[in-house]
Amino acid sequence: MTEEIDLTKETGSCGANAPAVVLMRKWLETGGNREIKVLATPGAQEDQVEMWAQAMKEQGVKIVSKEKVDGKVTYLIYLP
């Protein structure tokens, strides 16, 4: 089963609740070699998820898929 992170429930867009921090924390807590499902709002959260994935590309992080459904952006992200 793919683990899910719902960023749409986060209250802040910076600091400890920033999407990049939430994703990095999840990666460090659970380890890699897995895919996670990430739900984000279009706009700022979407941009932050994509910037984080791009910044972590050299470490092997990649966006496997992205789709927009019901006002949310759903990503499947591979964590090495």
PDB file of N, CA and C in Angstrom:
ATOM      1  N   MET A   1       0.832  -1.188   0.000  1.00  0.00           N
ATOM      2  CA  MET A   1       0.000   0.000   0.000  1.00  0.00           C
ATOM      3  C   MET A   1       0.874   1.249   0.000  1.00  0.00           C
ATOM      4  N   THR A   2       0.522   2.200  -0.832  1.00  0.00           N
ATOM      5  CA  THR A   2       1.267   3.441  -0.934  1.00  0.00           C
ATOM      6  C   THR A   2       0.833   4.391   0.177  1.00  0.00           C
ATOM      7  N   GLU A   3       1.805   4.916   0.888  1.00  0.00           N
ATOM      8  CA  GLU A   3       1.520   5.863   1.962  1.00  0.00           C
ATOM      9  C   GLU A   3       1.111   7.208   1.364  1.00  0.00           C
ATOM     10  N   GLU A   4       0.254   7.940   2.072  1.00  0.00           N
ATOM     11  CA  GLU A   4      -0.282   9.194   1.545  1.00  0.00           C
ATOM     12  C   GLU A   4       0.028  10.355   2.475  1.00  0.00           C
ATOM     13  N   ILE A   5       0.424  11.468   1.881  1.00  0.00           N
ATOM     14  CA  ILE A   5       0.623  12.717   2.611  1.00  0.00           C
ATOM     15  C   ILE A   5      -0.355  13.721   2.025  1.00  0.00           C
ATOM     16  N   ASP A   6      -1.226  14.261   2.857  1.00  0.00           N
ATOM     17  CA  ASP A   6      -2.208  15.241   2.401  1.00  0.00           C
ATOM     18  C   ASP A   6      -1.770  16.631   2.848  1.00  0.00           C
ATOM     19  N   LEU A   7      -1.093  17.333   1.957  1.00  0.00           N
ATOM     20  CA  LEU A   7      -0.609  18.674   2.275  1.00  0.00           C
ATOM     21  C   LEU A   7      -1.740  19.691   2.333  1.00  0.00           C
ATOM     22  N   THR A   8      -2.893  19.360   1.773  1.00  0.00           N
ATOM     23  CA  THR A   8      -4.017  20.303   1.766  1.00  0.00           C
ATOM     24  C   THR A   8      -4.540  20.562   3.173  1.00  0.00           C
ATOM     25  N   LYS A   9      -4.211  19.689   4.118  1.00  0.00           N
ATOM     26  CA  LYS A   9      -4.649  19.853   5.506  1.00  0.00           C
ATOM     27  C   LYS A   9      -3.659  20.669   6.337  1.00  0.00           C
ATOM     28  N   GLU A  10      -2.489  20.958   5.762  1.00  0.00           N
ATOM     29  CA  GLU A  10      -1.478  21.735   6.481  1.00  0.00           C
ATOM     30  C   GLU A  10      -1.920  23.193   6.562  1.00  0.00           C
ATOM     31  N   THR A  11      -1.613  23.843   7.683  1.00  0.00           N
ATOM     32  CA  THR A  11      -2.079  25.208   7.906  1.00  0.00           C
ATOM     33  C   THR A  11      -1.143  26.264   7.348  1.00  0.00           C
ATOM     34  N   GLY A  12       0.130  25.972   7.222  1.00  0.00           N
ATOM     35  CA  GLY A  12       1.074  26.991   6.777  1.00  0.00           C
ATOM     36  C   GLY A  12       1.758  26.624   5.484  1.00  0.00           C
ATOM     37  N   SER A  13       2.317  27.640   4.847  1.00  0.00           N
ATOM     38  CA  SER A  13       3.049  27.385   3.615  1.00  0.00           C
ATOM     39  C   SER A  13       4.537  27.643   3.799  1.00  0.00           C
ATOM     40  N   CYS A  14       4.931  27.982   5.030  1.00  0.00           N
ATOM     41  CA  CYS A  14       6.346  28.177   5.305  1.00  0.00           C
ATOM     42  C   CYS A  14       6.646  27.647   6.706  1.00  0.00           C
ATOM     43  N   GLY A  15       7.897  27.585   7.039  1.00  0.00           N
ATOM     44  CA  GLY A  15       8.281  27.078   8.352  1.00  0.00           C
ATOM     45  C   GLY A  15       8.141  25.578   8.445  1.00  0.00           C
ATOM     46  N   ALA A  16       7.779  25.083   9.617  1.00  0.00           N
ATOM     47  CA  ALA A  16       7.716  23.641   9.876  1.00  0.00           C
ATOM     48  C   ALA A  16       6.627  22.933   9.085  1.00  0.00           C
ATOM     49  N   ASN A  17       5.616  23.669   8.618  1.00  0.00           N
ATOM     50  CA  ASN A  17       4.533  23.053   7.855  1.00  0.00           C
ATOM     51  C   ASN A  17       4.678  23.231   6.347  1.00  0.00           C
ATOM     52  N   ALA A  18       5.794  23.761   5.896  1.00  0.00           N
ATOM     53  CA  ALA A  18       6.017  23.946   4.465  1.00  0.00           C
ATOM     54  C   ALA A  18       6.053  22.576   3.779  1.00  0.00           C
ATOM     55  N   PRO A  19       5.513  22.481   2.579  1.00  0.00           N
ATOM     56  CA  PRO A  19       5.509  21.196   1.873  1.00  0.00           C
ATOM     57  C   PRO A  19       6.888  20.541   1.780  1.00  0.00           C
ATOM     58  N   ALA A  20       7.925  21.318   1.499  1.00  0.00           N
ATOM     59  CA  ALA A  20       9.267  20.742   1.388  1.00  0.00           C
ATOM     60  C   ALA A  20       9.722  20.129   2.710  1.00  0.00           C
ATOM     61  N   VAL A  21       9.412  20.791   3.812  1.00  0.00           N
ATOM     62  CA  VAL A  21       9.802  20.284   5.133  1.00  0.00           C
ATOM     63  C   VAL A  21       9.012  19.019   5.466  1.00  0.00           C
ATOM     64  N   VAL A  22       7.718  19.022   5.176  1.00  0.00           N
ATOM     65  CA  VAL A  22       6.877  17.846   5.437  1.00  0.00           C
ATOM     66  C   VAL A  22       7.377  16.651   4.628  1.00  0.00           C
ATOM     67  N   LEU A  23       7.687  16.868   3.356  1.00  0.00           N
ATOM     68  CA  LEU A  23       8.173  15.777   2.504  1.00  0.00           C
ATOM     69  C   LEU A  23       9.532  15.259   2.979  1.00  0.00           C
ATOM     70  N   MET A  24      10.439  16.166   3.324  1.00  0.00           N
ATOM     71  CA  MET A  24      11.762  15.753   3.795  1.00  0.00           C
ATOM     72  C   MET A  24      11.650  14.982   5.105  1.00  0.00           C
ATOM     73  N   ARG A  25      10.800  15.453   6.011  1.00  0.00           N
ATOM     74  CA  ARG A  25      10.613  14.771   7.293  1.00  0.00           C
ATOM     75  C   ARG A  25      10.086  13.354   7.073  1.00  0.00           C
ATOM     76  N   LYS A  26       9.107  13.204   6.186  1.00  0.00           N
ATOM     77  CA  LYS A  26       8.530  11.889   5.900  1.00  0.00           C
ATOM     78  C   LYS A  26       9.597  10.959   5.331  1.00  0.00           C
ATOM     79  N   TRP A  27      10.413  11.471   4.423  1.00  0.00           N
ATOM     80  CA  TRP A  27      11.477  10.682   3.799  1.00  0.00           C
ATOM     81  C   TRP A  27      12.477  10.222   4.864  1.00  0.00           C
ATOM     82  N   LEU A  28      12.862  11.124   5.763  1.00  0.00           N
ATOM     83  CA  LEU A  28      13.823  10.770   6.804  1.00  0.00           C
ATOM     84  C   LEU A  28      13.235   9.815   7.841  1.00  0.00           C
ATOM     85  N   GLU A  29      11.960   9.987   8.184  1.00  0.00           N
ATOM     86  CA  GLU A  29      11.319   9.135   9.192  1.00  0.00           C
ATOM     87  C   GLU A  29      11.044   7.724   8.684  1.00  0.00           C
ATOM     88  N   THR A  30      10.632   7.596   7.441  1.00  0.00           N
ATOM     89  CA  THR A  30      10.199   6.284   6.938  1.00  0.00           C
ATOM     90  C   THR A  30      11.224   5.598   6.056  1.00  0.00           C
ATOM     91  N   GLY A  31      12.244   6.321   5.642  1.00  0.00           N
ATOM     92  CA  GLY A  31      13.234   5.723   4.763  1.00  0.00           C
ATOM     93  C   GLY A  31      12.785   5.762   3.312  1.00  0.00           C
ATOM     94  N   GLY A  32      13.651   5.263   2.460  1.00  0.00           N
ATOM     95  CA  GLY A  32      13.382   5.353   1.036  1.00  0.00           C
ATOM     96  C   GLY A  32      13.016   4.030   0.402  1.00  0.00           C
ATOM     97  N   ASN A  33      13.300   3.958  -0.894  1.00  0.00           N
ATOM     98  CA  ASN A  33      12.970   2.812  -1.730  1.00  0.00           C
ATOM     99  C   ASN A  33      11.467   2.538  -1.704  1.00  0.00           C
ATOM    100  N   ARG A  34      10.700   3.603  -1.866  1.00  0.00           N
ATOM    101  CA  ARG A  34       9.239   3.503  -1.830  1.00  0.00           C
ATOM    102  C   ARG A  34       8.629   4.640  -2.635  1.00  0.00           C
ATOM    103  N   GLU A  35       7.358   4.486  -2.934  1.00  0.00           N
ATOM    104  CA  GLU A  35       6.594   5.551  -3.562  1.00  0.00           C
ATOM    105  C   GLU A  35       5.583   6.068  -2.551  1.00  0.00           C
ATOM    106  N   ILE A  36       5.378   7.373  -2.548  1.00  0.00           N
ATOM    107  CA  ILE A  36       4.369   7.976  -1.685  1.00  0.00           C
ATOM    108  C   ILE A  36       3.405   8.786  -2.547  1.00  0.00           C
ATOM    109  N   LYS A  37       2.175   8.853  -2.095  1.00  0.00           N
ATOM    110  CA  LYS A  37       1.154   9.658  -2.761  1.00  0.00           C
ATOM    111  C   LYS A  37       1.067  10.979  -2.010  1.00  0.00           C
ATOM    112  N   VAL A  38       1.139  12.077  -2.743  1.00  0.00           N
ATOM    113  CA  VAL A  38       1.105  13.403  -2.134  1.00  0.00           C
ATOM    114  C   VAL A  38      -0.051  14.195  -2.732  1.00  0.00           C
ATOM    115  N   LEU A  39      -0.909  14.725  -1.861  1.00  0.00           N
ATOM    116  CA  LEU A  39      -2.013  15.582  -2.288  1.00  0.00           C
ATOM    117  C   LEU A  39      -1.646  17.026  -1.970  1.00  0.00           C
ATOM    118  N   ALA A  40      -1.777  17.902  -2.956  1.00  0.00           N
ATOM    119  CA  ALA A  40      -1.440  19.310  -2.775  1.00  0.00           C
ATOM    120  C   ALA A  40      -2.504  20.181  -3.428  1.00  0.00           C
ATOM    121  N   THR A  41      -2.577  21.426  -2.982  1.00  0.00           N
ATOM    122  CA  THR A  41      -3.488  22.366  -3.626  1.00  0.00           C
ATOM    123  C   THR A  41      -2.784  22.951  -4.850  1.00  0.00           C
ATOM    124  N   PRO A  42      -3.556  23.279  -5.889  1.00  0.00           N
ATOM    125  CA  PRO A  42      -2.944  23.925  -7.056  1.00  0.00           C
ATOM    126  C   PRO A  42      -2.345  25.269  -6.648  1.00  0.00           C
ATOM    127  N   GLY A  43      -1.303  25.661  -7.303  1.00  0.00           N
ATOM    128  CA  GLY A  43      -0.675  26.944  -6.991  1.00  0.00           C
ATOM    129  C   GLY A  43       0.563  26.778  -6.144  1.00  0.00           C
ATOM    130  N   ALA A  44       0.573  27.429  -4.973  1.00  0.00           N
ATOM    131  CA  ALA A  44       1.772  27.477  -4.134  1.00  0.00           C
ATOM    132  C   ALA A  44       2.241  26.096  -3.689  1.00  0.00           C
ATOM    133  N   GLN A  45       1.335  25.256  -3.155  1.00  0.00           N
ATOM    134  CA  GLN A  45       1.762  23.920  -2.711  1.00  0.00           C
ATOM    135  C   GLN A  45       2.263  23.093  -3.890  1.00  0.00           C
ATOM    136  N   GLU A  46       1.575  23.178  -5.002  1.00  0.00           N
ATOM    137  CA  GLU A  46       1.984  22.457  -6.212  1.00  0.00           C
ATOM    138  C   GLU A  46       3.400  22.869  -6.619  1.00  0.00           C
ATOM    139  N   ASP A  47       3.656  24.171  -6.649  1.00  0.00           N
ATOM    140  CA  ASP A  47       4.984  24.674  -7.009  1.00  0.00           C
ATOM    141  C   ASP A  47       6.042  24.205  -6.024  1.00  0.00           C
ATOM    142  N   GLN A  48       5.719  24.225  -4.731  1.00  0.00           N
ATOM    143  CA  GLN A  48       6.694  23.831  -3.717  1.00  0.00           C
ATOM    144  C   GLN A  48       7.028  22.347  -3.799  1.00  0.00           C
ATOM    145  N   VAL A  49       6.036  21.505  -4.077  1.00  0.00           N
ATOM    146  CA  VAL A  49       6.292  20.065  -4.232  1.00  0.00           C
ATOM    147  C   VAL A  49       7.218  19.841  -5.424  1.00  0.00           C
ATOM    148  N   GLU A  50       6.942  20.520  -6.524  1.00  0.00           N
ATOM    149  CA  GLU A  50       7.757  20.341  -7.724  1.00  0.00           C
ATOM    150  C   GLU A  50       9.169  20.887  -7.543  1.00  0.00           C
ATOM    151  N   MET A  51       9.309  22.014  -6.846  1.00  0.00           N
ATOM    152  CA  MET A  51      10.646  22.555  -6.582  1.00  0.00           C
ATOM    153  C   MET A  51      11.437  21.617  -5.677  1.00  0.00           C
ATOM    154  N   TRP A  52      10.779  21.041  -4.661  1.00  0.00           N
ATOM    155  CA  TRP A  52      11.460  20.109  -3.766  1.00  0.00           C
ATOM    156  C   TRP A  52      11.922  18.876  -4.538  1.00  0.00           C
ATOM    157  N   ALA A  53      11.046  18.324  -5.369  1.00  0.00           N
ATOM    158  CA  ALA A  53      11.409  17.140  -6.156  1.00  0.00           C
ATOM    159  C   ALA A  53      12.570  17.456  -7.093  1.00  0.00           C
ATOM    160  N   GLN A  54      12.557  18.631  -7.694  1.00  0.00           N
ATOM    161  CA  GLN A  54      13.650  19.031  -8.588  1.00  0.00           C
ATOM    162  C   GLN A  54      14.955  19.186  -7.807  1.00  0.00           C
ATOM    163  N   ALA A  55      14.882  19.792  -6.619  1.00  0.00           N
ATOM    164  CA  ALA A  55      16.079  19.980  -5.795  1.00  0.00           C
ATOM    165  C   ALA A  55      16.656  18.648  -5.320  1.00  0.00           C
ATOM    166  N   MET A  56      15.806  17.654  -5.103  1.00  0.00           N
ATOM    167  CA  MET A  56      16.242  16.344  -4.615  1.00  0.00           C
ATOM    168  C   MET A  56      16.501  15.345  -5.750  1.00  0.00           C
ATOM    169  N   LYS A  57      16.425  15.813  -6.980  1.00  0.00           N
ATOM    170  CA  LYS A  57      16.588  14.937  -8.150  1.00  0.00           C
ATOM    171  C   LYS A  57      17.931  14.200  -8.139  1.00  0.00           C
ATOM    172  N   GLU A  58      19.003  14.897  -7.760  1.00  0.00           N
ATOM    173  CA  GLU A  58      20.327  14.266  -7.727  1.00  0.00           C
ATOM    174  C   GLU A  58      20.402  13.145  -6.699  1.00  0.00           C
ATOM    175  N   GLN A  59      19.546  13.191  -5.674  1.00  0.00           N
ATOM    176  CA  GLN A  59      19.501  12.127  -4.670  1.00  0.00           C
ATOM    177  C   GLN A  59      18.608  10.976  -5.131  1.00  0.00           C
ATOM    178  N   GLY A  60      17.955  11.120  -6.278  1.00  0.00           N
ATOM    179  CA  GLY A  60      17.142  10.044  -6.827  1.00  0.00           C
ATOM    180  C   GLY A  60      15.642  10.215  -6.683  1.00  0.00           C
ATOM    181  N   VAL A  61      15.198  11.323  -6.089  1.00  0.00           N
ATOM    182  CA  VAL A  61      13.758  11.583  -5.963  1.00  0.00           C
ATOM    183  C   VAL A  61      13.204  11.895  -7.347  1.00  0.00           C
ATOM    184  N   LYS A  62      12.031  11.332  -7.660  1.00  0.00           N
ATOM    185  CA  LYS A  62      11.411  11.685  -8.937  1.00  0.00           C
ATOM    186  C   LYS A  62       9.894  11.631  -8.839  1.00  0.00           C
ATOM    187  N   ILE A  63       9.265  12.496  -9.606  1.00  0.00           N
ATOM    188  CA  ILE A  63       7.809  12.496  -9.709  1.00  0.00           C
ATOM    189  C   ILE A  63       7.438  11.447 -10.747  1.00  0.00           C
ATOM    190  N   VAL A  64       6.756  10.400 -10.291  1.00  0.00           N
ATOM    191  CA  VAL A  64       6.354   9.301 -11.169  1.00  0.00           C
ATOM    192  C   VAL A  64       5.123   9.697 -11.973  1.00  0.00           C
ATOM    193  N   SER A  65       4.162  10.339 -11.303  1.00  0.00           N
ATOM    194  CA  SER A  65       2.955  10.789 -11.998  1.00  0.00           C
ATOM    195  C   SER A  65       2.381  12.010 -11.300  1.00  0.00           C
ATOM    196  N   LYS A  66       1.574  12.750 -12.061  1.00  0.00           N
ATOM    197  CA  LYS A  66       0.912  13.945 -11.540  1.00  0.00           C
ATOM    198  C   LYS A  66      -0.434  14.059 -12.241  1.00  0.00           C
ATOM    199  N   GLU A  67      -1.492  14.248 -11.454  1.00  0.00           N
ATOM    200  CA  GLU A  67      -2.801  14.487 -12.054  1.00  0.00           C
ATOM    201  C   GLU A  67      -3.608  15.446 -11.193  1.00  0.00           C
ATOM    202  N   LYS A  68      -4.461  16.206 -11.855  1.00  0.00           N
ATOM    203  CA  LYS A  68      -5.324  17.159 -11.157  1.00  0.00           C
ATOM    204  C   LYS A  68      -6.737  16.607 -11.151  1.00  0.00           C
ATOM    205  N   VAL A  69      -7.274  16.400  -9.931  1.00  0.00           N
ATOM    206  CA  VAL A  69      -8.617  15.848  -9.762  1.00  0.00           C
ATOM    207  C   VAL A  69      -9.311  16.568  -8.609  1.00  0.00           C
ATOM    208  N   ASP A  70     -10.540  16.976  -8.815  1.00  0.00           N
ATOM    209  CA  ASP A  70     -11.372  17.582  -7.762  1.00  0.00           C
ATOM    210  C   ASP A  70     -10.683  18.727  -7.025  1.00  0.00           C
ATOM    211  N   GLY A  71      -9.995  19.582  -7.745  1.00  0.00           N
ATOM    212  CA  GLY A  71      -9.366  20.738  -7.123  1.00  0.00           C
ATOM    213  C   GLY A  71      -8.109  20.434  -6.337  1.00  0.00           C
ATOM    214  N   LYS A  72      -7.569  19.235  -6.481  1.00  0.00           N
ATOM    215  CA  LYS A  72      -6.319  18.859  -5.818  1.00  0.00           C
ATOM    216  C   LYS A  72      -5.352  18.311  -6.861  1.00  0.00           C
ATOM    217  N   VAL A  73      -4.075  18.447  -6.571  1.00  0.00           N
ATOM    218  CA  VAL A  73      -3.040  17.868  -7.418  1.00  0.00           C
ATOM    219  C   VAL A  73      -2.537  16.623  -6.698  1.00  0.00           C
ATOM    220  N   THR A  74      -2.582  15.484  -7.385  1.00  0.00           N
ATOM    221  CA  THR A  74      -2.141  14.225  -6.796  1.00  0.00           C
ATOM    222  C   THR A  74      -0.840  13.799  -7.463  1.00  0.00           C
ATOM    223  N   TYR A  75       0.184  13.618  -6.637  1.00  0.00           N
ATOM    224  CA  TYR A  75       1.489  13.176  -7.120  1.00  0.00           C
ATOM    225  C   TYR A  75       1.765  11.768  -6.621  1.00  0.00           C
ATOM    226  N   LEU A  76       2.488  11.013  -7.414  1.00  0.00           N
ATOM    227  CA  LEU A  76       3.110   9.782  -6.958  1.00  0.00           C
ATOM    228  C   LEU A  76       4.601  10.060  -7.065  1.00  0.00           C
ATOM    229  N   ILE A  77       5.280  10.063  -5.915  1.00  0.00           N
ATOM    230  CA  ILE A  77       6.690  10.439  -5.862  1.00  0.00           C
ATOM    231  C   ILE A  77       7.511   9.256  -5.371  1.00  0.00           C
ATOM    232  N   TYR A  78       8.608   8.974  -6.088  1.00  0.00           N
ATOM    233  CA  TYR A  78       9.527   7.909  -5.678  1.00  0.00           C
ATOM    234  C   TYR A  78      10.603   8.503  -4.775  1.00  0.00           C
ATOM    235  N   LEU A  79      10.768   7.894  -3.595  1.00  0.00           N
ATOM    236  CA  LEU A  79      11.830   8.270  -2.661  1.00  0.00           C
ATOM    237  C   LEU A  79      12.867   7.153  -2.655  1.00  0.00           C
ATOM    238  N   PRO A  80      14.104   7.445  -3.033  1.00  0.00           N
ATOM    239  CA  PRO A  80      15.138   6.392  -3.092  1.00  0.00           C
ATOM    240  C   PRO A  80      15.602   5.935  -1.712  1.00  0.00           C
TER     241      PRO A  80
END
